[in-house]
């Protein structure tokens, strides 16, 4: 059986390790949020661009007849 002193020392060391600052976590969350917004924006612009091209080419084709 382990001594209570050793158990308390290990517990204190492990708690100190997991109580570190979480500043980097905020930066990571913002980075993920920005990348998600960029992916959605690219998809929206691509879809809108295709629609605009089809409308303009439809007008050009109708005008050239």
PDB file of N, CA and C in Angstrom:
ATOM      1  N   UNK A   1       0.833  -1.175   0.000  1.00  0.00           N
ATOM      2  CA  UNK A   1       0.000   0.000   0.000  1.00  0.00           C
ATOM      3  C   UNK A   1       0.884   1.246   0.000  1.00  0.00           C
ATOM      4  N   UNK A   2       0.437   2.293  -0.683  1.00  0.00           N
ATOM      5  CA  UNK A   2       1.229   3.509  -0.781  1.00  0.00           C
ATOM      6  C   UNK A   2       1.001   4.392   0.441  1.00  0.00           C
ATOM      7  N   UNK A   3       2.018   5.165   0.720  1.00  0.00           N
ATOM      8  CA  UNK A   3       1.902   6.056   1.873  1.00  0.00           C
ATOM      9  C   UNK A   3       0.987   7.236   1.533  1.00  0.00           C
ATOM     10  N   UNK A   4       0.249   7.735   2.490  1.00  0.00           N
ATOM     11  CA  UNK A   4      -0.636   8.876   2.229  1.00  0.00           C
ATOM     12  C   UNK A   4       0.118  10.124   1.777  1.00  0.00           C
ATOM     13  N   UNK A   5       1.338  10.264   2.243  1.00  0.00           N
ATOM     14  CA  UNK A   5       2.142  11.417   1.842  1.00  0.00           C
ATOM     15  C   UNK A   5       2.467  11.357   0.356  1.00  0.00           C
ATOM     16  N   UNK A   6       2.833  10.174  -0.113  1.00  0.00           N
ATOM     17  CA  UNK A   6       3.160  10.015  -1.530  1.00  0.00           C
ATOM     18  C   UNK A   6       1.926  10.242  -2.400  1.00  0.00           C
ATOM     19  N   UNK A   7       0.796   9.738  -1.945  1.00  0.00           N
ATOM     20  CA  UNK A   7      -0.443   9.918  -2.705  1.00  0.00           C
ATOM     21  C   UNK A   7      -0.804  11.398  -2.784  1.00  0.00           C
ATOM     22  N   UNK A   8      -0.689  12.113  -1.683  1.00  0.00           N
ATOM     23  CA  UNK A   8      -0.987  13.549  -1.684  1.00  0.00           C
ATOM     24  C   UNK A   8      -0.024  14.322  -2.571  1.00  0.00           C
ATOM     25  N   UNK A   9       1.249  13.938  -2.561  1.00  0.00           N
ATOM     26  CA  UNK A   9       2.243  14.612  -3.397  1.00  0.00           C
ATOM     27  C   UNK A   9       1.940  14.391  -4.877  1.00  0.00           C
ATOM     28  N   UNK A  10       1.589  13.167  -5.240  1.00  0.00           N
ATOM     29  CA  UNK A  10       1.244  12.880  -6.634  1.00  0.00           C
ATOM     30  C   UNK A  10      -0.027  13.613  -7.047  1.00  0.00           C
ATOM     31  N   UNK A  11      -0.976  13.685  -6.142  1.00  0.00           N
ATOM     32  CA  UNK A  11      -2.222  14.396  -6.424  1.00  0.00           C
ATOM     33  C   UNK A  11      -1.948  15.890  -6.638  1.00  0.00           C
ATOM     34  N   UNK A  12      -1.110  16.470  -5.806  1.00  0.00           N
ATOM     35  CA  UNK A  12      -0.771  17.882  -5.928  1.00  0.00           C
ATOM     36  C   UNK A  12      -0.040  18.156  -7.241  1.00  0.00           C
ATOM     37  N   UNK A  13       0.870  17.279  -7.616  1.00  0.00           N
ATOM     38  CA  UNK A  13       1.614  17.460  -8.870  1.00  0.00           C
ATOM     39  C   UNK A  13       0.678  17.364 -10.067  1.00  0.00           C
ATOM     40  N   UNK A  14      -0.218  16.389 -10.056  1.00  0.00           N
ATOM     41  CA  UNK A  14      -1.125  16.223 -11.198  1.00  0.00           C
ATOM     42  C   UNK A  14      -2.117  17.375 -11.296  1.00  0.00           C
ATOM     43  N   UNK A  15      -2.601  17.876 -10.165  1.00  0.00           N
ATOM     44  CA  UNK A  15      -3.519  19.007 -10.198  1.00  0.00           C
ATOM     45  C   UNK A  15      -2.818  20.275 -10.682  1.00  0.00           C
ATOM     46  N   UNK A  16      -1.575  20.460 -10.298  1.00  0.00           N
ATOM     47  CA  UNK A  16      -0.819  21.625 -10.740  1.00  0.00           C
ATOM     48  C   UNK A  16      -0.599  21.576 -12.250  1.00  0.00           C
ATOM     49  N   UNK A  17      -0.431  20.386 -12.793  1.00  0.00           N
ATOM     50  CA  UNK A  17      -0.229  20.249 -14.231  1.00  0.00           C
ATOM     51  C   UNK A  17      -1.481  20.618 -15.011  1.00  0.00           C
ATOM     52  N   UNK A  18      -2.632  20.249 -14.505  1.00  0.00           N
ATOM     53  CA  UNK A  18      -3.867  20.469 -15.236  1.00  0.00           C
ATOM     54  C   UNK A  18      -4.483  21.839 -14.968  1.00  0.00           C
ATOM     55  N   UNK A  19      -3.951  22.598 -14.059  1.00  0.00           N
ATOM     56  CA  UNK A  19      -4.464  23.940 -13.767  1.00  0.00           C
ATOM     57  C   UNK A  19      -3.661  25.027 -14.456  1.00  0.00           C
ATOM     58  N   UNK A  20      -3.051  24.709 -15.530  1.00  0.00           N
ATOM     59  CA  UNK A  20      -2.256  25.705 -16.244  1.00  0.00           C
ATOM     60  C   UNK A  20      -3.164  26.722 -16.922  1.00  0.00           C
ATOM     61  N   UNK A  21      -2.556  27.780 -17.359  1.00  0.00           N
ATOM     62  CA  UNK A  21      -3.299  28.850 -18.030  1.00  0.00           C
ATOM     63  C   UNK A  21      -3.926  28.331 -19.314  1.00  0.00           C
ATOM     64  N   UNK A  22      -5.103  28.842 -19.622  1.00  0.00           N
ATOM     65  CA  UNK A  22      -5.819  28.410 -20.820  1.00  0.00           C
ATOM     66  C   UNK A  22      -5.812  29.493 -21.892  1.00  0.00           C
ATOM     67  N   UNK A  23      -4.790  30.343 -21.912  1.00  0.00           N
ATOM     68  CA  UNK A  23      -4.715  31.411 -22.901  1.00  0.00           C
ATOM     69  C   UNK A  23      -4.606  30.862 -24.317  1.00  0.00           C
ATOM     70  N   UNK A  24      -3.846  29.830 -24.516  1.00  0.00           N
ATOM     71  CA  UNK A  24      -3.690  29.240 -25.839  1.00  0.00           C
ATOM     72  C   UNK A  24      -4.967  28.620 -26.349  1.00  0.00           C
ATOM     73  N   UNK A  25      -5.802  28.163 -25.459  1.00  0.00           N
ATOM     74  CA  UNK A  25      -7.067  27.556 -25.862  1.00  0.00           C
ATOM     75  C   UNK A  25      -7.961  28.594 -26.527  1.00  0.00           C
ATOM     76  N   UNK A  26      -8.004  29.806 -26.005  1.00  0.00           N
ATOM     77  CA  UNK A  26      -8.806  30.864 -26.611  1.00  0.00           C
ATOM     78  C   UNK A  26      -8.341  31.149 -28.028  1.00  0.00           C
ATOM     79  N   UNK A  27      -7.042  31.213 -28.222  1.00  0.00           N
ATOM     80  CA  UNK A  27      -6.488  31.481 -29.543  1.00  0.00           C
ATOM     81  C   UNK A  27      -6.863  30.368 -30.511  1.00  0.00           C
ATOM     82  N   UNK A  28      -6.810  29.136 -30.060  1.00  0.00           N
ATOM     83  CA  UNK A  28      -7.183  28.008 -30.901  1.00  0.00           C
ATOM     84  C   UNK A  28      -8.660  28.072 -31.276  1.00  0.00           C
ATOM     85  N   UNK A  29      -9.508  28.412 -30.326  1.00  0.00           N
ATOM     86  CA  UNK A  29     -10.942  28.514 -30.609  1.00  0.00           C
ATOM     87  C   UNK A  29     -11.220  29.613 -31.626  1.00  0.00           C
ATOM     88  N   UNK A  30     -10.563  30.756 -31.492  1.00  0.00           N
ATOM     89  CA  UNK A  30     -10.752  31.832 -32.462  1.00  0.00           C
ATOM     90  C   UNK A  30     -10.250  31.410 -33.841  1.00  0.00           C
ATOM     91  N   UNK A  31      -9.152  30.705 -33.891  1.00  0.00           N
ATOM     92  CA  UNK A  31      -8.636  30.223 -35.171  1.00  0.00           C
ATOM     93  C   UNK A  31      -9.596  29.266 -35.851  1.00  0.00           C
ATOM     94  N   UNK A  32     -10.176  28.352 -35.080  1.00  0.00           N
ATOM     95  CA  UNK A  32     -11.156  27.425 -35.644  1.00  0.00           C
ATOM     96  C   UNK A  32     -12.406  28.157 -36.114  1.00  0.00           C
ATOM     97  N   UNK A  33     -12.832  29.148 -35.359  1.00  0.00           N
ATOM     98  CA  UNK A  33     -14.010  29.924 -35.734  1.00  0.00           C
ATOM     99  C   UNK A  33     -13.760  30.702 -37.031  1.00  0.00           C
ATOM    100  N   UNK A  34     -12.606  31.319 -37.140  1.00  0.00           N
ATOM    101  CA  UNK A  34     -12.265  32.071 -38.352  1.00  0.00           C
ATOM    102  C   UNK A  34     -12.184  31.142 -39.557  1.00  0.00           C
ATOM    103  N   UNK A  35     -11.604  29.966 -39.386  1.00  0.00           N
ATOM    104  CA  UNK A  35     -11.498  29.033 -40.512  1.00  0.00           C
ATOM    105  C   UNK A  35     -12.881  28.531 -40.931  1.00  0.00           C
ATOM    106  N   UNK A  36     -13.770  28.292 -39.986  1.00  0.00           N
ATOM    107  CA  UNK A  36     -15.128  27.867 -40.327  1.00  0.00           C
ATOM    108  C   UNK A  36     -15.866  28.968 -41.075  1.00  0.00           C
ATOM    109  N   UNK A  37     -15.729  30.207 -40.630  1.00  0.00           N
ATOM    110  CA  UNK A  37     -16.368  31.329 -41.319  1.00  0.00           C
ATOM    111  C   UNK A  37     -15.808  31.475 -42.732  1.00  0.00           C
ATOM    112  N   UNK A  38     -14.507  31.293 -42.894  1.00  0.00           N
ATOM    113  CA  UNK A  38     -13.890  31.405 -44.216  1.00  0.00           C
ATOM    114  C   UNK A  38     -14.400  30.316 -45.157  1.00  0.00           C
ATOM    115  N   UNK A  39     -14.559  29.105 -44.650  1.00  0.00           N
ATOM    116  CA  UNK A  39     -15.055  28.007 -45.497  1.00  0.00           C
ATOM    117  C   UNK A  39     -16.490  28.291 -45.934  1.00  0.00           C
ATOM    118  N   UNK A  40     -17.325  28.747 -45.019  1.00  0.00           N
ATOM    119  CA  UNK A  40     -18.716  29.068 -45.356  1.00  0.00           C
ATOM    120  C   UNK A  40     -18.767  30.226 -46.356  1.00  0.00           C
ATOM    121  N   UNK A  41     -17.940  31.241 -46.148  1.00  0.00           N
ATOM    122  CA  UNK A  41     -17.923  32.383 -47.062  1.00  0.00           C
ATOM    123  C   UNK A  41     -17.471  31.966 -48.459  1.00  0.00           C
ATOM    124  N   UNK A  42     -16.464  31.120 -48.552  1.00  0.00           N
ATOM    125  CA  UNK A  42     -16.013  30.652 -49.865  1.00  0.00           C
ATOM    126  C   UNK A  42     -17.102  29.866 -50.575  1.00  0.00           C
ATOM    127  N   UNK A  43     -17.804  29.027 -49.841  1.00  0.00           N
ATOM    128  CA  UNK A  43     -18.906  28.267 -50.444  1.00  0.00           C
ATOM    129  C   UNK A  43     -20.016  29.182 -50.927  1.00  0.00           C
ATOM    130  N   UNK A  44     -20.343  30.201 -50.149  1.00  0.00           N
ATOM    131  CA  UNK A  44     -21.402  31.136 -50.539  1.00  0.00           C
ATOM    132  C   UNK A  44     -20.989  31.949 -51.763  1.00  0.00           C
ATOM    133  N   UNK A  45     -19.759  32.411 -51.798  1.00  0.00           N
ATOM    134  CA  UNK A  45     -19.283  33.196 -52.938  1.00  0.00           C
ATOM    135  C   UNK A  45     -19.234  32.333 -54.193  1.00  0.00           C
ATOM    136  N   UNK A  46     -18.812  31.094 -54.071  1.00  0.00           N
ATOM    137  CA  UNK A  46     -18.769  30.203 -55.236  1.00  0.00           C
ATOM    138  C   UNK A  46     -20.176  29.953 -55.778  1.00  0.00           C
ATOM    139  N   UNK A  47     -21.115  29.696 -54.885  1.00  0.00           N
ATOM    140  CA  UNK A  47     -22.499  29.473 -55.328  1.00  0.00           C
ATOM    141  C   UNK A  47     -23.113  30.713 -55.945  1.00  0.00           C
ATOM    142  N   UNK A  48     -22.883  31.854 -55.342  1.00  0.00           N
ATOM    143  CA  UNK A  48     -23.410  33.112 -55.861  1.00  0.00           C
ATOM    144  C   UNK A  48     -22.753  33.455 -57.197  1.00  0.00           C
ATOM    145  N   UNK A  49     -21.462  33.181 -57.319  1.00  0.00           N
ATOM    146  CA  UNK A  49     -20.753  33.453 -58.578  1.00  0.00           C
ATOM    147  C   UNK A  49     -21.307  32.629 -59.719  1.00  0.00           C
ATOM    148  N   UNK A  50     -21.607  31.377 -59.461  1.00  0.00           N
ATOM    149  CA  UNK A  50     -22.183  30.508 -60.490  1.00  0.00           C
ATOM    150  C   UNK A  50     -23.552  31.025 -60.916  1.00  0.00           C
ATOM    151  N   UNK A  51     -24.336  31.444 -59.961  1.00  0.00           N
ATOM    152  CA  UNK A  51     -25.663  31.978 -60.271  1.00  0.00           C
ATOM    153  C   UNK A  51     -25.561  33.254 -61.106  1.00  0.00           C
ATOM    154  N   UNK A  52     -24.678  34.146 -60.752  1.00  0.00           N
ATOM    155  CA  UNK A  52     -24.509  35.401 -61.496  1.00  0.00           C
ATOM    156  C   UNK A  52     -24.030  35.126 -62.923  1.00  0.00           C
ATOM    157  N   UNK A  53     -23.088  34.214 -63.081  1.00  0.00           N
ATOM    158  CA  UNK A  53     -22.596  33.873 -64.422  1.00  0.00           C
ATOM    159  C   UNK A  53     -23.737  33.321 -65.272  1.00  0.00           C
ATOM    160  N   UNK A  54     -24.550  32.451 -64.703  1.00  0.00           N
ATOM    161  CA  UNK A  54     -25.657  31.877 -65.467  1.00  0.00           C
ATOM    162  C   UNK A  54     -26.670  32.953 -65.868  1.00  0.00           C
ATOM    163  N   UNK A  55     -26.962  33.888 -64.984  1.00  0.00           N
ATOM    164  CA  UNK A  55     -27.910  34.960 -65.293  1.00  0.00           C
ATOM    165  C   UNK A  55     -27.353  35.848 -66.407  1.00  0.00           C
ATOM    166  N   UNK A  56     -26.090  36.261 -66.292  1.00  0.00           N
ATOM    167  CA  UNK A  56     -25.518  37.127 -67.318  1.00  0.00           C
ATOM    168  C   UNK A  56     -25.429  36.426 -68.665  1.00  0.00           C
ATOM    169  N   UNK A  57     -25.010  35.165 -68.680  1.00  0.00           N
ATOM    170  CA  UNK A  57     -24.928  34.451 -69.951  1.00  0.00           C
ATOM    171  C   UNK A  57     -26.314  34.209 -70.541  1.00  0.00           C
ATOM    172  N   UNK A  58     -27.312  34.081 -69.654  1.00  0.00           N
ATOM    173  CA  UNK A  58     -28.692  33.964 -70.152  1.00  0.00           C
ATOM    174  C   UNK A  58     -29.150  35.252 -70.825  1.00  0.00           C
ATOM    175  N   UNK A  59     -28.809  36.391 -70.244  1.00  0.00           N
ATOM    176  CA  UNK A  59     -29.156  37.685 -70.832  1.00  0.00           C
ATOM    177  C   UNK A  59     -28.403  37.888 -72.137  1.00  0.00           C
ATOM    178  N   UNK A  60     -27.128  37.529 -72.164  1.00  0.00           N
ATOM    179  CA  UNK A  60     -26.320  37.685 -73.398  1.00  0.00           C
ATOM    180  C   UNK A  60     -26.870  36.784 -74.486  1.00  0.00           C
ATOM    181  N   UNK A  61     -27.223  35.556 -74.148  1.00  0.00           N
ATOM    182  CA  UNK A  61     -27.746  34.634 -75.153  1.00  0.00           C
ATOM    183  C   UNK A  61     -29.099  35.125 -75.675  1.00  0.00           C
ATOM    184  N   UNK A  62     -29.924  35.681 -74.795  1.00  0.00           N
ATOM    185  CA  UNK A  62     -31.232  36.167 -75.234  1.00  0.00           C
ATOM    186  C   UNK A  62     -31.094  37.431 -76.102  1.00  0.00           C
ATOM    187  N   UNK A  63     -30.091  38.246 -75.826  1.00  0.00           N
ATOM    188  CA  UNK A  63     -29.899  39.479 -76.582  1.00  0.00           C
ATOM    189  C   UNK A  63     -29.285  39.218 -77.949  1.00  0.00           C
ATOM    190  N   UNK A  64     -28.549  38.150 -78.090  1.00  0.00           N
ATOM    191  CA  UNK A  64     -27.872  37.889 -79.360  1.00  0.00           C
ATOM    192  C   UNK A  64     -28.761  37.141 -80.343  1.00  0.00           C
ATOM    193  N   UNK A  65     -29.950  36.786 -79.961  1.00  0.00           N
ATOM    194  CA  UNK A  65     -30.844  36.046 -80.859  1.00  0.00           C
ATOM    195  C   UNK A  65     -31.535  36.955 -81.804  1.00  0.00           C
TER     196      UNK A  65
END
